[in-house]
Amino acid sequence: MVVEARRDPASAAGAIKRIADQLGVHPEALRTWVKQAETDERTRPGTASTEAARIAELEREVRELRRANQILKSAASFFAAELCATRRCVDRGAVRDRSRQAVAAA
């Protein structure tokens, strides 16, 4: 309705206000809807609704993946440190066993 009213020069002035009153909505709400419809139809520059939703979804996915990567990095460093500690303990035990064997053999 608004787009048609804007095309007609005689009714273009105040078209949004007049149509908003007819529909019982606030003029700014109608103006926002018209702008979004024009953006979706590519008659106005901007991001279409479907593209905006997809961008938001992808940004959310990127945040989740970054968080998962951070958790995995933390876990890897934790287990690496534990592995080093376990190896030191095993190595000390092996040295002790060799020392005992050397003393027993002598």
N, C-alpha and C. Protein backbone atom coordinates (compact mmCIF):
# COMPACT_ATOMS: atom_id res chain seq x y z
N MET A 1 0.81 -1.19 0.00
CA MET A 1 0.00 0.00 0.00
C MET A 1 0.86 1.26 0.00
N VAL A 2 1.87 1.26 0.86
CA VAL A 2 2.71 2.45 0.98
C VAL A 2 3.49 2.68 -0.30
N VAL A 3 4.04 1.62 -0.87
CA VAL A 3 4.83 1.76 -2.09
C VAL A 3 3.96 2.31 -3.21
N GLU A 4 2.74 1.81 -3.32
CA GLU A 4 1.82 2.31 -4.34
C GLU A 4 1.47 3.78 -4.09
N ALA A 5 1.24 4.13 -2.84
CA ALA A 5 0.89 5.51 -2.51
C ALA A 5 2.07 6.45 -2.78
N ARG A 6 3.29 5.98 -2.57
CA ARG A 6 4.46 6.81 -2.83
C ARG A 6 4.68 7.04 -4.32
N ARG A 7 4.28 6.08 -5.13
CA ARG A 7 4.45 6.23 -6.58
C ARG A 7 3.56 7.34 -7.14
N ASP A 8 2.41 7.51 -6.56
CA ASP A 8 1.46 8.52 -7.02
C ASP A 8 1.85 9.86 -6.41
N PRO A 9 2.31 10.82 -7.22
CA PRO A 9 2.76 12.11 -6.69
C PRO A 9 1.68 12.84 -5.88
N ALA A 10 0.44 12.65 -6.23
CA ALA A 10 -0.64 13.36 -5.54
C ALA A 10 -0.81 12.85 -4.10
N SER A 11 -0.52 11.58 -3.86
CA SER A 11 -0.73 11.04 -2.52
C SER A 11 0.58 10.68 -1.82
N ALA A 12 1.72 11.03 -2.40
CA ALA A 12 3.01 10.65 -1.83
C ALA A 12 3.28 11.35 -0.50
N ALA A 13 2.94 12.62 -0.42
CA ALA A 13 3.19 13.37 0.81
C ALA A 13 2.30 12.83 1.93
N GLY A 14 2.92 12.41 3.01
CA GLY A 14 2.16 11.92 4.17
C GLY A 14 1.56 10.54 3.97
N ALA A 15 2.04 9.80 3.00
CA ALA A 15 1.47 8.47 2.71
C ALA A 15 1.62 7.53 3.90
N ILE A 16 2.78 7.53 4.51
CA ILE A 16 3.01 6.61 5.63
C ILE A 16 2.10 6.95 6.79
N LYS A 17 2.01 8.22 7.13
CA LYS A 17 1.14 8.64 8.25
C LYS A 17 -0.30 8.26 7.98
N ARG A 18 -0.77 8.55 6.78
CA ARG A 18 -2.17 8.28 6.43
C ARG A 18 -2.46 6.78 6.47
N ILE A 19 -1.58 5.98 5.90
CA ILE A 19 -1.80 4.53 5.86
C ILE A 19 -1.65 3.93 7.25
N ALA A 20 -0.71 4.44 8.04
CA ALA A 20 -0.55 3.96 9.41
C ALA A 20 -1.81 4.21 10.21
N ASP A 21 -2.42 5.37 10.03
CA ASP A 21 -3.68 5.67 10.72
C ASP A 21 -4.78 4.70 10.28
N GLN A 22 -4.82 4.39 8.99
CA GLN A 22 -5.83 3.46 8.47
C GLN A 22 -5.64 2.06 9.05
N LEU A 23 -4.38 1.66 9.20
CA LEU A 23 -4.08 0.31 9.70
C LEU A 23 -4.09 0.24 11.23
N GLY A 24 -4.04 1.39 11.88
CA GLY A 24 -4.03 1.41 13.34
C GLY A 24 -2.68 1.07 13.93
N VAL A 25 -1.61 1.42 13.22
CA VAL A 25 -0.26 1.19 13.73
C VAL A 25 0.47 2.53 13.81
N HIS A 26 1.55 2.54 14.54
CA HIS A 26 2.35 3.75 14.68
C HIS A 26 3.07 4.01 13.36
N PRO A 27 3.16 5.27 12.92
CA PRO A 27 3.82 5.58 11.65
C PRO A 27 5.27 5.10 11.57
N GLU A 28 6.00 5.18 12.68
CA GLU A 28 7.40 4.73 12.66
C GLU A 28 7.50 3.22 12.48
N ALA A 29 6.55 2.49 13.05
CA ALA A 29 6.54 1.03 12.84
C ALA A 29 6.33 0.72 11.37
N LEU A 30 5.37 1.40 10.76
CA LEU A 30 5.11 1.19 9.34
C LEU A 30 6.30 1.60 8.50
N ARG A 31 6.94 2.72 8.85
CA ARG A 31 8.11 3.18 8.12
C ARG A 31 9.24 2.14 8.19
N THR A 32 9.44 1.55 9.37
CA THR A 32 10.45 0.51 9.54
C THR A 32 10.13 -0.71 8.68
N TRP A 33 8.87 -1.11 8.65
CA TRP A 33 8.47 -2.26 7.84
C TRP A 33 8.70 -1.99 6.36
N VAL A 34 8.39 -0.77 5.95
CA VAL A 34 8.56 -0.41 4.53
C VAL A 34 10.05 -0.44 4.17
N LYS A 35 10.89 0.13 5.05
CA LYS A 35 12.34 0.13 4.79
C LYS A 35 12.86 -1.30 4.68
N GLN A 36 12.42 -2.18 5.60
CA GLN A 36 12.89 -3.56 5.57
C GLN A 36 12.41 -4.28 4.31
N ALA A 37 11.17 -4.02 3.92
CA ALA A 37 10.64 -4.64 2.69
C ALA A 37 11.43 -4.16 1.47
N GLU A 38 11.76 -2.88 1.44
CA GLU A 38 12.54 -2.35 0.32
C GLU A 38 13.94 -2.96 0.30
N THR A 39 14.52 -3.15 1.47
CA THR A 39 15.85 -3.78 1.56
C THR A 39 15.78 -5.22 1.09
N ASP A 40 14.73 -5.94 1.52
CA ASP A 40 14.58 -7.34 1.11
C ASP A 40 14.36 -7.46 -0.39
N GLU A 41 13.68 -6.48 -0.98
CA GLU A 41 13.43 -6.49 -2.42
C GLU A 41 14.59 -5.92 -3.22
N ARG A 42 15.65 -5.50 -2.53
CA ARG A 42 16.85 -4.93 -3.15
C ARG A 42 16.60 -3.58 -3.82
N THR A 43 15.55 -2.88 -3.43
CA THR A 43 15.35 -1.53 -3.96
C THR A 43 16.01 -0.50 -3.05
N ARG A 44 16.51 -0.93 -1.91
CA ARG A 44 17.22 -0.07 -0.96
C ARG A 44 18.48 -0.81 -0.53
N PRO A 45 19.61 -0.11 -0.42
CA PRO A 45 20.84 -0.79 0.00
C PRO A 45 20.73 -1.25 1.45
N GLY A 46 21.35 -2.35 1.74
CA GLY A 46 21.34 -2.88 3.10
C GLY A 46 21.36 -4.40 3.08
N THR A 47 21.29 -4.98 4.27
CA THR A 47 21.31 -6.42 4.41
C THR A 47 19.89 -6.94 4.51
N ALA A 48 19.55 -7.89 3.66
CA ALA A 48 18.21 -8.46 3.68
C ALA A 48 17.99 -9.26 4.96
N SER A 49 16.73 -9.46 5.32
CA SER A 49 16.39 -10.17 6.55
C SER A 49 16.98 -11.57 6.58
N THR A 50 16.87 -12.29 5.48
CA THR A 50 17.39 -13.65 5.45
C THR A 50 18.91 -13.66 5.57
N GLU A 51 19.56 -12.69 4.94
CA GLU A 51 21.02 -12.60 5.04
C GLU A 51 21.44 -12.24 6.46
N ALA A 52 20.71 -11.33 7.09
CA ALA A 52 21.03 -10.93 8.46
C ALA A 52 20.88 -12.12 9.40
N ALA A 53 19.85 -12.91 9.21
CA ALA A 53 19.65 -14.09 10.05
C ALA A 53 20.78 -15.09 9.84
N ARG A 54 21.18 -15.29 8.61
CA ARG A 54 22.27 -16.22 8.29
C ARG A 54 23.60 -15.74 8.87
N ILE A 55 23.85 -14.44 8.78
CA ILE A 55 25.07 -13.86 9.34
C ILE A 55 25.09 -14.07 10.85
N ALA A 56 23.97 -13.81 11.51
CA ALA A 56 23.89 -14.00 12.96
C ALA A 56 24.14 -15.46 13.33
N GLU A 57 23.57 -16.38 12.55
CA GLU A 57 23.76 -17.81 12.80
C GLU A 57 25.23 -18.19 12.64
N LEU A 58 25.87 -17.69 11.61
CA LEU A 58 27.29 -18.00 11.38
C LEU A 58 28.18 -17.40 12.46
N GLU A 59 27.86 -16.19 12.90
CA GLU A 59 28.65 -15.57 13.97
C GLU A 59 28.52 -16.37 15.26
N ARG A 60 27.32 -16.86 15.54
CA ARG A 60 27.10 -17.68 16.73
C ARG A 60 27.91 -18.98 16.62
N GLU A 61 27.93 -19.58 15.44
CA GLU A 61 28.69 -20.81 15.22
C GLU A 61 30.19 -20.56 15.39
N VAL A 62 30.67 -19.44 14.90
CA VAL A 62 32.10 -19.09 15.04
C VAL A 62 32.45 -18.94 16.52
N ARG A 63 31.57 -18.27 17.30
CA ARG A 63 31.83 -18.13 18.74
C ARG A 63 31.90 -19.50 19.42
N GLU A 64 30.98 -20.40 19.07
CA GLU A 64 30.98 -21.75 19.66
C GLU A 64 32.26 -22.50 19.30
N LEU A 65 32.67 -22.41 18.04
CA LEU A 65 33.87 -23.12 17.60
C LEU A 65 35.12 -22.56 18.26
N ARG A 66 35.18 -21.25 18.41
CA ARG A 66 36.35 -20.65 19.09
C ARG A 66 36.40 -21.10 20.54
N ARG A 67 35.23 -21.17 21.18
CA ARG A 67 35.18 -21.62 22.57
C ARG A 67 35.63 -23.08 22.66
N ALA A 68 35.16 -23.91 21.72
CA ALA A 68 35.56 -25.32 21.71
C ALA A 68 37.06 -25.45 21.49
N ASN A 69 37.62 -24.65 20.59
CA ASN A 69 39.07 -24.68 20.35
C ASN A 69 39.84 -24.31 21.61
N GLN A 70 39.36 -23.30 22.32
CA GLN A 70 40.03 -22.87 23.55
C GLN A 70 39.99 -23.98 24.59
N ILE A 71 38.85 -24.65 24.70
CA ILE A 71 38.73 -25.76 25.65
C ILE A 71 39.69 -26.89 25.26
N LEU A 72 39.74 -27.20 23.98
CA LEU A 72 40.64 -28.26 23.52
C LEU A 72 42.11 -27.91 23.74
N LYS A 73 42.47 -26.65 23.53
CA LYS A 73 43.85 -26.23 23.78
C LYS A 73 44.19 -26.37 25.26
N SER A 74 43.26 -25.96 26.12
CA SER A 74 43.49 -26.08 27.56
C SER A 74 43.63 -27.54 27.97
N ALA A 75 42.77 -28.39 27.43
CA ALA A 75 42.83 -29.82 27.75
C ALA A 75 44.13 -30.43 27.25
N ALA A 76 44.56 -30.05 26.06
CA ALA A 76 45.80 -30.59 25.51
C ALA A 76 47.00 -30.20 26.37
N SER A 77 47.05 -28.95 26.81
CA SER A 77 48.18 -28.54 27.65
C SER A 77 48.12 -29.21 29.01
N PHE A 78 46.91 -29.42 29.54
CA PHE A 78 46.76 -30.11 30.83
C PHE A 78 47.28 -31.54 30.72
N PHE A 79 46.83 -32.26 29.69
CA PHE A 79 47.26 -33.64 29.54
C PHE A 79 48.73 -33.75 29.17
N ALA A 80 49.26 -32.79 28.45
CA ALA A 80 50.69 -32.80 28.12
C ALA A 80 51.51 -32.64 29.39
N ALA A 81 51.09 -31.75 30.27
CA ALA A 81 51.80 -31.55 31.53
C ALA A 81 51.71 -32.80 32.39
N GLU A 82 50.55 -33.42 32.41
CA GLU A 82 50.38 -34.64 33.20
C GLU A 82 51.22 -35.78 32.62
N LEU A 83 51.30 -35.85 31.30
CA LEU A 83 52.11 -36.88 30.65
C LEU A 83 53.58 -36.70 30.99
N CYS A 84 54.04 -35.45 31.00
CA CYS A 84 55.44 -35.18 31.36
C CYS A 84 55.70 -35.59 32.80
N ALA A 85 54.78 -35.29 33.69
CA ALA A 85 54.95 -35.66 35.10
C ALA A 85 54.96 -37.17 35.24
N THR A 86 54.11 -37.86 34.51
CA THR A 86 54.07 -39.33 34.56
C THR A 86 55.37 -39.92 34.03
N ARG A 87 55.88 -39.37 32.95
CA ARG A 87 57.14 -39.87 32.38
C ARG A 87 58.29 -39.66 33.36
N ARG A 88 58.33 -38.51 34.04
CA ARG A 88 59.40 -38.27 35.01
C ARG A 88 59.32 -39.29 36.13
N CYS A 89 58.11 -39.58 36.58
CA CYS A 89 57.93 -40.55 37.66
C CYS A 89 58.37 -41.93 37.19
N VAL A 90 57.99 -42.31 36.00
CA VAL A 90 58.37 -43.61 35.45
C VAL A 90 59.88 -43.67 35.25
N ASP A 91 60.46 -42.58 34.73
CA ASP A 91 61.91 -42.55 34.51
C ASP A 91 62.66 -42.67 35.83
N ARG A 92 62.21 -42.01 36.88
CA ARG A 92 62.87 -42.11 38.19
C ARG A 92 62.78 -43.54 38.72
N GLY A 93 61.61 -44.14 38.52
CA GLY A 93 61.45 -45.54 38.96
C GLY A 93 62.39 -46.46 38.22
N ALA A 94 62.57 -46.24 36.93
CA ALA A 94 63.47 -47.07 36.13
C ALA A 94 64.91 -46.88 36.59
N VAL A 95 65.30 -45.67 36.91
CA VAL A 95 66.65 -45.39 37.40
C VAL A 95 66.86 -46.09 38.73
N ARG A 96 65.86 -46.02 39.62
CA ARG A 96 65.96 -46.69 40.92
C ARG A 96 66.10 -48.19 40.74
N ASP A 97 65.29 -48.75 39.83
CA ASP A 97 65.35 -50.19 39.60
C ASP A 97 66.72 -50.60 39.07
N ARG A 98 67.27 -49.81 38.17
CA ARG A 98 68.60 -50.12 37.64
C ARG A 98 69.66 -50.02 38.74
N SER A 99 69.49 -49.01 39.61
CA SER A 99 70.45 -48.85 40.72
C SER A 99 70.38 -50.05 41.64
N ARG A 100 69.18 -50.51 41.94
CA ARG A 100 69.03 -51.68 42.82
C ARG A 100 69.63 -52.92 42.18
N GLN A 101 69.40 -53.05 40.88
CA GLN A 101 69.95 -54.21 40.18
C GLN A 101 71.47 -54.16 40.17
N ALA A 102 72.02 -52.97 40.01
CA ALA A 102 73.48 -52.82 39.99
C ALA A 102 74.05 -53.14 41.37
N VAL A 103 73.38 -52.68 42.43
CA VAL A 103 73.84 -52.94 43.80
C VAL A 103 73.71 -54.43 44.11
N ALA A 104 72.61 -55.04 43.67
CA ALA A 104 72.39 -56.47 43.93
C ALA A 104 73.40 -57.32 43.17
N ALA A 105 73.77 -56.90 41.99
CA ALA A 105 74.71 -57.66 41.17
C ALA A 105 76.13 -57.56 41.74
N ALA A 106 76.41 -56.51 42.47
CA ALA A 106 77.77 -56.30 42.97
C ALA A 106 78.04 -57.07 44.19
